[in-house]
Amino acid sequence: MATAAHELKTPLTLIRGEVEMLEKTDSKNLILEDVDHISRQINQLLHLAEVRESHNYSFQKIALVNVVNDAANYLSRIAKVHEVSIKIINNTKRVHLNADPSTLFILLKNLIENAIYHSPIGATIDVTITDNALIVRDHGQGIDEEHMTLLFNRFWRAPKQKINGAGLGLAICMEVALIHRWRITAHNTSPGASFVLDISSKEQRST
């Protein structure tokens, strides 16, 4: 899967370059949107292949708040485009984890990005750090109860979902959590939804 996804990246880049040189038309914009959509799916496949293999992980002691800040800063431009803001709430001392920083970044990026896409204009996404958990909350419409058990399934996308993707973002989060011996769950709030990453494992956490 990783090899196939990697081999597709170069021709897509070339196609995008060729299309960008064409005169500006509605068809050109649609083609570029399709190329971006496929590129996003390929990146998700590469991430899934990476996080499924334990030998790709390099565990080290890291400060959780640093990775949260990195993910939030990385997504700040997307948040601005969608006219939402990201608020980090640190309700604890400096929590350190025995974790792989790159896959933890992917997990946090996916959760925050998911919240961005499900938030109404002008809303704030709350990223809360506690001694035992990290919580990402949006203020959107919440999750249909019949979909709760399907959220972390690979390639599952909610009916009539407007977000372009392969339905792998939350599945990737689950893979990363399992390797780290963490637990990730989703809950409806009022309003919106919260994704809770339980990091309370004594083997993984220190302050």
C-alpha atoms as a PDB file:
ATOM      1  CA  MET A   1       0.000   0.000   0.000  1.00  0.00           C
ATOM      2  CA  ALA A   2       2.790   2.413   0.902  1.00  0.00           C
ATOM      3  CA  THR A   3       4.704   1.630  -2.292  1.00  0.00           C
ATOM      4  CA  ALA A   4       1.653   2.095  -4.506  1.00  0.00           C
ATOM      5  CA  ALA A   5       0.730   5.382  -2.829  1.00  0.00           C
ATOM      6  CA  HIS A   6       4.282   6.663  -3.085  1.00  0.00           C
ATOM      7  CA  GLU A   7       4.475   5.812  -6.801  1.00  0.00           C
ATOM      8  CA  LEU A   8       1.313   7.845  -7.449  1.00  0.00           C
ATOM      9  CA  LYS A   9       2.666  11.047  -5.899  1.00  0.00           C
ATOM     10  CA  THR A  10       5.096  11.933  -8.709  1.00  0.00           C
ATOM     11  CA  PRO A  11       2.666  11.628 -11.667  1.00  0.00           C
ATOM     12  CA  LEU A  12       0.068  13.624  -9.748  1.00  0.00           C
ATOM     13  CA  THR A  13       2.604  16.390  -9.153  1.00  0.00           C
ATOM     14  CA  LEU A  14       3.430  16.416 -12.866  1.00  0.00           C
ATOM     15  CA  ILE A  15      -0.258  16.486 -13.813  1.00  0.00           C
ATOM     16  CA  ARG A  16      -0.868  19.414 -11.488  1.00  0.00           C
ATOM     17  CA  GLY A  17       2.040  21.292 -13.022  1.00  0.00           C
ATOM     18  CA  GLU A  18       0.725  20.720 -16.541  1.00  0.00           C
ATOM     19  CA  VAL A  19      -2.797  21.811 -15.608  1.00  0.00           C
ATOM     20  CA  GLU A  20      -1.563  24.970 -13.884  1.00  0.00           C
ATOM     21  CA  MET A  21      -0.003  26.104 -17.181  1.00  0.00           C
ATOM     22  CA  LEU A  22      -3.347  25.970 -18.969  1.00  0.00           C
ATOM     23  CA  GLU A  23      -5.495  29.057 -19.400  1.00  0.00           C
ATOM     24  CA  LYS A  24      -7.759  29.811 -16.471  1.00  0.00           C
ATOM     25  CA  THR A  25     -11.161  28.161 -16.960  1.00  0.00           C
ATOM     26  CA  ASP A  26     -13.820  26.530 -14.812  1.00  0.00           C
ATOM     27  CA  SER A  27     -12.656  23.142 -16.125  1.00  0.00           C
ATOM     28  CA  LYS A  28      -9.103  23.889 -15.012  1.00  0.00           C
ATOM     29  CA  ASN A  29     -10.283  24.674 -11.485  1.00  0.00           C
ATOM     30  CA  LEU A  30     -12.312  21.455 -11.319  1.00  0.00           C
ATOM     31  CA  ILE A  31      -9.322  19.393 -12.488  1.00  0.00           C
ATOM     32  CA  LEU A  32      -7.067  21.015  -9.877  1.00  0.00           C
ATOM     33  CA  GLU A  33      -9.652  20.272  -7.179  1.00  0.00           C
ATOM     34  CA  ASP A  34      -9.732  16.623  -8.287  1.00  0.00           C
ATOM     35  CA  VAL A  35      -5.927  16.400  -8.257  1.00  0.00           C
ATOM     36  CA  ASP A  36      -5.809  17.916  -4.755  1.00  0.00           C
ATOM     37  CA  HIS A  37      -8.493  15.488  -3.604  1.00  0.00           C
ATOM     38  CA  ILE A  38      -6.539  12.487  -4.914  1.00  0.00           C
ATOM     39  CA  SER A  39      -3.296  13.837  -3.431  1.00  0.00           C
ATOM     40  CA  ARG A  40      -4.955  14.110  -0.026  1.00  0.00           C
ATOM     41  CA  GLN A  41      -6.137  10.508  -0.286  1.00  0.00           C
ATOM     42  CA  ILE A  42      -2.644   9.335  -1.225  1.00  0.00           C
ATOM     43  CA  ASN A  43      -1.116  11.163   1.738  1.00  0.00           C
ATOM     44  CA  GLN A  44      -3.649   9.517   4.046  1.00  0.00           C
ATOM     45  CA  LEU A  45      -2.769   6.090   2.630  1.00  0.00           C
ATOM     46  CA  LEU A  46       0.930   6.769   3.217  1.00  0.00           C
ATOM     47  CA  HIS A  47       0.230   7.864   6.788  1.00  0.00           C
ATOM     48  CA  LEU A  48      -1.889   4.761   7.423  1.00  0.00           C
ATOM     49  CA  ALA A  49       0.866   2.488   6.082  1.00  0.00           C
ATOM     50  CA  GLU A  50       3.414   4.287   8.266  1.00  0.00           C
ATOM     51  CA  VAL A  51       1.497   4.219  11.538  1.00  0.00           C
ATOM     52  CA  ARG A  52       0.491   0.533  11.201  1.00  0.00           C
ATOM     53  CA  GLU A  53       4.119  -0.643  11.421  1.00  0.00           C
ATOM     54  CA  SER A  54       5.556  -0.551  14.943  1.00  0.00           C
ATOM     55  CA  HIS A  55       9.136  -0.509  13.643  1.00  0.00           C
ATOM     56  CA  ASN A  56       8.464   2.987  12.236  1.00  0.00           C
ATOM     57  CA  TYR A  57       8.048   4.336  15.761  1.00  0.00           C
ATOM     58  CA  SER A  58      10.896   5.953  17.680  1.00  0.00           C
ATOM     59  CA  PHE A  59       9.787   6.447  21.278  1.00  0.00           C
ATOM     60  CA  GLN A  60      11.265   9.265  23.319  1.00  0.00           C
ATOM     61  CA  LYS A  61      10.299  11.557  26.158  1.00  0.00           C
ATOM     62  CA  ILE A  62       8.459  14.563  24.729  1.00  0.00           C
ATOM     63  CA  ALA A  63       6.408  17.455  26.110  1.00  0.00           C
ATOM     64  CA  LEU A  64       2.804  17.029  24.986  1.00  0.00           C
ATOM     65  CA  VAL A  65       2.113  20.759  24.861  1.00  0.00           C
ATOM     66  CA  ASN A  66       4.956  21.232  22.351  1.00  0.00           C
ATOM     67  CA  VAL A  67       3.436  18.768  19.881  1.00  0.00           C
ATOM     68  CA  VAL A  68      -0.016  20.324  20.390  1.00  0.00           C
ATOM     69  CA  ASN A  69       1.421  23.768  19.605  1.00  0.00           C
ATOM     70  CA  ASP A  70       3.187  22.424  16.508  1.00  0.00           C
ATOM     71  CA  ALA A  71      -0.025  20.843  15.186  1.00  0.00           C
ATOM     72  CA  ALA A  72      -2.075  23.977  15.898  1.00  0.00           C
ATOM     73  CA  ASN A  73       0.488  26.227  14.202  1.00  0.00           C
ATOM     74  CA  TYR A  74       0.637  23.900  11.201  1.00  0.00           C
ATOM     75  CA  LEU A  75      -3.145  24.107  10.788  1.00  0.00           C
ATOM     76  CA  SER A  76      -3.469  27.834  11.484  1.00  0.00           C
ATOM     77  CA  ARG A  77      -3.670  28.674   7.778  1.00  0.00           C
ATOM     78  CA  ILE A  78      -6.458  26.135   7.169  1.00  0.00           C
ATOM     79  CA  ALA A  79      -8.285  27.456  10.227  1.00  0.00           C
ATOM     80  CA  LYS A  80      -8.046  30.979   8.848  1.00  0.00           C
ATOM     81  CA  VAL A  81      -9.456  29.880   5.486  1.00  0.00           C
ATOM     82  CA  HIS A  82     -12.438  28.298   7.261  1.00  0.00           C
ATOM     83  CA  GLU A  83     -12.781  31.344   9.525  1.00  0.00           C
ATOM     84  CA  VAL A  84     -12.363  29.463  12.797  1.00  0.00           C
ATOM     85  CA  SER A  85      -9.802  29.716  15.578  1.00  0.00           C
ATOM     86  CA  ILE A  86      -7.854  27.153  17.606  1.00  0.00           C
ATOM     87  CA  LYS A  87      -7.606  27.659  21.362  1.00  0.00           C
ATOM     88  CA  ILE A  88      -5.161  25.607  23.453  1.00  0.00           C
ATOM     89  CA  ILE A  89      -6.201  25.168  27.091  1.00  0.00           C
ATOM     90  CA  ASN A  90      -3.442  23.749  29.296  1.00  0.00           C
ATOM     91  CA  ASN A  91      -4.988  22.642  32.589  1.00  0.00           C
ATOM     92  CA  THR A  92      -1.998  20.778  33.932  1.00  0.00           C
ATOM     93  CA  LYS A  93       1.671  20.858  34.726  1.00  0.00           C
ATOM     94  CA  ARG A  94       4.098  20.103  31.913  1.00  0.00           C
ATOM     95  CA  VAL A  95       3.042  16.576  30.889  1.00  0.00           C
ATOM     96  CA  HIS A  96       5.706  14.431  29.242  1.00  0.00           C
ATOM     97  CA  LEU A  97       4.972  11.283  27.277  1.00  0.00           C
ATOM     98  CA  ASN A  98       7.040   8.350  26.140  1.00  0.00           C
ATOM     99  CA  ALA A  99       5.879   8.649  22.537  1.00  0.00           C
ATOM    100  CA  ASP A 100       6.857   8.849  18.895  1.00  0.00           C
ATOM    101  CA  PRO A 101       6.710  12.578  18.051  1.00  0.00           C
ATOM    102  CA  SER A 102       5.988  12.237  14.323  1.00  0.00           C
ATOM    103  CA  THR A 103       2.995   9.908  14.660  1.00  0.00           C
ATOM    104  CA  LEU A 104       1.671  11.838  17.669  1.00  0.00           C
ATOM    105  CA  PHE A 105       1.813  14.952  15.479  1.00  0.00           C
ATOM    106  CA  ILE A 106      -0.180  13.130  12.782  1.00  0.00           C
ATOM    107  CA  LEU A 107      -2.783  12.052  15.354  1.00  0.00           C
ATOM    108  CA  LEU A 108      -3.211  15.582  16.733  1.00  0.00           C
ATOM    109  CA  LYS A 109      -3.225  17.128  13.257  1.00  0.00           C
ATOM    110  CA  ASN A 110      -5.985  14.789  12.126  1.00  0.00           C
ATOM    111  CA  LEU A 111      -8.140  15.469  15.190  1.00  0.00           C
ATOM    112  CA  ILE A 112      -7.778  19.253  14.970  1.00  0.00           C
ATOM    113  CA  GLU A 113      -8.220  19.278  11.189  1.00  0.00           C
ATOM    114  CA  ASN A 114     -11.381  17.184  11.574  1.00  0.00           C
ATOM    115  CA  ALA A 115     -12.690  19.737  14.083  1.00  0.00           C
ATOM    116  CA  ILE A 116     -11.918  22.601  11.696  1.00  0.00           C
ATOM    117  CA  TYR A 117     -13.955  21.029   8.906  1.00  0.00           C
ATOM    118  CA  HIS A 118     -16.921  20.412  11.223  1.00  0.00           C
ATOM    119  CA  SER A 119     -17.001  23.852  12.838  1.00  0.00           C
ATOM    120  CA  PRO A 120     -19.254  26.733  11.751  1.00  0.00           C
ATOM    121  CA  ILE A 121     -17.769  30.069  10.714  1.00  0.00           C
ATOM    122  CA  GLY A 122     -16.599  32.095  13.699  1.00  0.00           C
ATOM    123  CA  ALA A 123     -16.363  29.099  16.029  1.00  0.00           C
ATOM    124  CA  THR A 124     -13.463  28.188  18.307  1.00  0.00           C
ATOM    125  CA  ILE A 125     -11.879  24.745  18.480  1.00  0.00           C
ATOM    126  CA  ASP A 126     -10.853  23.908  22.035  1.00  0.00           C
ATOM    127  CA  VAL A 127      -7.770  21.737  22.492  1.00  0.00           C
ATOM    128  CA  THR A 128      -7.584  20.926  26.200  1.00  0.00           C
ATOM    129  CA  ILE A 129      -4.629  19.244  27.924  1.00  0.00           C
ATOM    130  CA  THR A 130      -5.164  17.599  31.312  1.00  0.00           C
ATOM    131  CA  ASP A 131      -3.029  15.275  33.413  1.00  0.00           C
ATOM    132  CA  ASN A 132      -4.650  12.200  31.867  1.00  0.00           C
ATOM    133  CA  ALA A 133      -6.112  13.247  28.526  1.00  0.00           C
ATOM    134  CA  LEU A 134      -6.125  15.503  25.521  1.00  0.00           C
ATOM    135  CA  ILE A 135      -9.532  16.676  24.312  1.00  0.00           C
ATOM    136  CA  VAL A 136     -10.321  18.243  20.930  1.00  0.00           C
ATOM    137  CA  ARG A 137     -13.774  19.815  20.795  1.00  0.00           C
ATOM    138  CA  ASP A 138     -15.594  21.464  17.911  1.00  0.00           C
ATOM    139  CA  HIS A 139     -18.838  23.437  18.098  1.00  0.00           C
ATOM    140  CA  GLY A 140     -20.549  21.950  15.070  1.00  0.00           C
ATOM    141  CA  GLN A 141     -23.646  19.806  14.695  1.00  0.00           C
ATOM    142  CA  GLY A 142     -22.302  16.797  16.567  1.00  0.00           C
ATOM    143  CA  ILE A 143     -22.248  13.148  15.518  1.00  0.00           C
ATOM    144  CA  ASP A 144     -25.310  11.077  14.652  1.00  0.00           C
ATOM    145  CA  GLU A 145     -25.637   8.337  17.257  1.00  0.00           C
ATOM    146  CA  GLU A 146     -25.874   5.608  14.606  1.00  0.00           C
ATOM    147  CA  HIS A 147     -22.465   6.695  13.288  1.00  0.00           C
ATOM    148  CA  MET A 148     -20.602   6.561  16.616  1.00  0.00           C
ATOM    149  CA  THR A 149     -19.465   2.950  16.161  1.00  0.00           C
ATOM    150  CA  LEU A 150     -18.296   3.627  12.595  1.00  0.00           C
ATOM    151  CA  LEU A 151     -16.149   6.714  13.111  1.00  0.00           C
ATOM    152  CA  PHE A 152     -12.795   4.924  13.356  1.00  0.00           C
ATOM    153  CA  ASN A 153     -13.414   2.409  10.565  1.00  0.00           C
ATOM    154  CA  ARG A 154     -11.088   2.656   7.582  1.00  0.00           C
ATOM    155  CA  PHE A 155     -12.578   4.303   4.481  1.00  0.00           C
ATOM    156  CA  TRP A 156     -15.849   5.145   6.251  1.00  0.00           C
ATOM    157  CA  ARG A 157     -17.298   8.566   5.473  1.00  0.00           C
ATOM    158  CA  ALA A 158     -20.519  10.009   6.806  1.00  0.00           C
ATOM    159  CA  PRO A 159     -23.375  10.225   4.277  1.00  0.00           C
ATOM    160  CA  LYS A 160     -23.532  13.603   2.499  1.00  0.00           C
ATOM    161  CA  GLN A 161     -20.176  14.560   3.979  1.00  0.00           C
ATOM    162  CA  LYS A 162     -18.746  17.614   2.241  1.00  0.00           C
ATOM    163  CA  ILE A 163     -15.141  16.981   3.278  1.00  0.00           C
ATOM    164  CA  ASN A 164     -12.807  15.601   0.636  1.00  0.00           C
ATOM    165  CA  GLY A 165     -10.884  12.615   1.928  1.00  0.00           C
ATOM    166  CA  ALA A 166     -10.544   8.867   1.909  1.00  0.00           C
ATOM    167  CA  GLY A 167     -12.170   8.332   5.297  1.00  0.00           C
ATOM    168  CA  LEU A 168      -8.840   7.434   6.875  1.00  0.00           C
ATOM    169  CA  GLY A 169      -8.087  10.343   9.219  1.00  0.00           C
ATOM    170  CA  LEU A 170      -9.730   8.919  12.340  1.00  0.00           C
ATOM    171  CA  ALA A 171      -8.599   5.368  11.491  1.00  0.00           C
ATOM    172  CA  ILE A 172      -5.024   6.677  11.487  1.00  0.00           C
ATOM    173  CA  CYS A 173      -5.633   8.268  14.904  1.00  0.00           C
ATOM    174  CA  MET A 174      -6.836   4.914  16.239  1.00  0.00           C
ATOM    175  CA  GLU A 175      -3.760   3.083  14.896  1.00  0.00           C
ATOM    176  CA  VAL A 176      -1.419   5.590  16.561  1.00  0.00           C
ATOM    177  CA  ALA A 177      -3.320   5.395  19.849  1.00  0.00           C
ATOM    178  CA  LEU A 178      -3.216   1.580  19.893  1.00  0.00           C
ATOM    179  CA  ILE A 179       0.547   1.449  19.308  1.00  0.00           C
ATOM    180  CA  HIS A 180       1.031   3.897  22.208  1.00  0.00           C
ATOM    181  CA  ARG A 181      -1.422   1.966  24.423  1.00  0.00           C
ATOM    182  CA  TRP A 182      -3.711   4.962  24.604  1.00  0.00           C
ATOM    183  CA  ARG A 183      -7.483   5.047  24.209  1.00  0.00           C
ATOM    184  CA  ILE A 184      -9.402   7.377  21.910  1.00  0.00           C
ATOM    185  CA  THR A 185     -13.159   7.935  22.081  1.00  0.00           C
ATOM    186  CA  ALA A 186     -15.752  10.304  20.612  1.00  0.00           C
ATOM    187  CA  HIS A 187     -18.604  12.003  22.447  1.00  0.00           C
ATOM    188  CA  ASN A 188     -21.331  14.479  21.607  1.00  0.00           C
ATOM    189  CA  THR A 189     -21.193  17.722  23.540  1.00  0.00           C
ATOM    190  CA  SER A 190     -23.576  20.649  23.620  1.00  0.00           C
ATOM    191  CA  PRO A 191     -22.956  21.876  21.006  1.00  0.00           C
ATOM    192  CA  GLY A 192     -20.530  19.923  18.823  1.00  0.00           C
ATOM    193  CA  ALA A 193     -18.429  16.853  19.459  1.00  0.00           C
ATOM    194  CA  SER A 194     -15.324  15.985  21.455  1.00  0.00           C
ATOM    195  CA  PHE A 195     -12.579  13.469  20.747  1.00  0.00           C
ATOM    196  CA  VAL A 196     -10.812  12.332  23.910  1.00  0.00           C
ATOM    197  CA  LEU A 197      -7.329  10.837  23.843  1.00  0.00           C
ATOM    198  CA  ASP A 198      -6.769   9.011  27.137  1.00  0.00           C
ATOM    199  CA  ILE A 199      -3.032   9.106  27.918  1.00  0.00           C
ATOM    200  CA  SER A 200      -3.334   7.857  31.492  1.00  0.00           C
ATOM    201  CA  SER A 201      -1.216   4.711  30.952  1.00  0.00           C
ATOM    202  CA  LYS A 202       1.447   4.732  33.682  1.00  0.00           C
ATOM    203  CA  GLU A 203       3.910   3.183  31.265  1.00  0.00           C
ATOM    204  CA  GLN A 204       3.573   6.082  28.854  1.00  0.00           C
ATOM    205  CA  ARG A 205       3.162   9.222  30.986  1.00  0.00           C
ATOM    206  CA  SER A 206       5.316  11.230  33.357  1.00  0.00           C
ATOM    207  CA  THR A 207       5.280  14.815  34.616  1.00  0.00           C
END
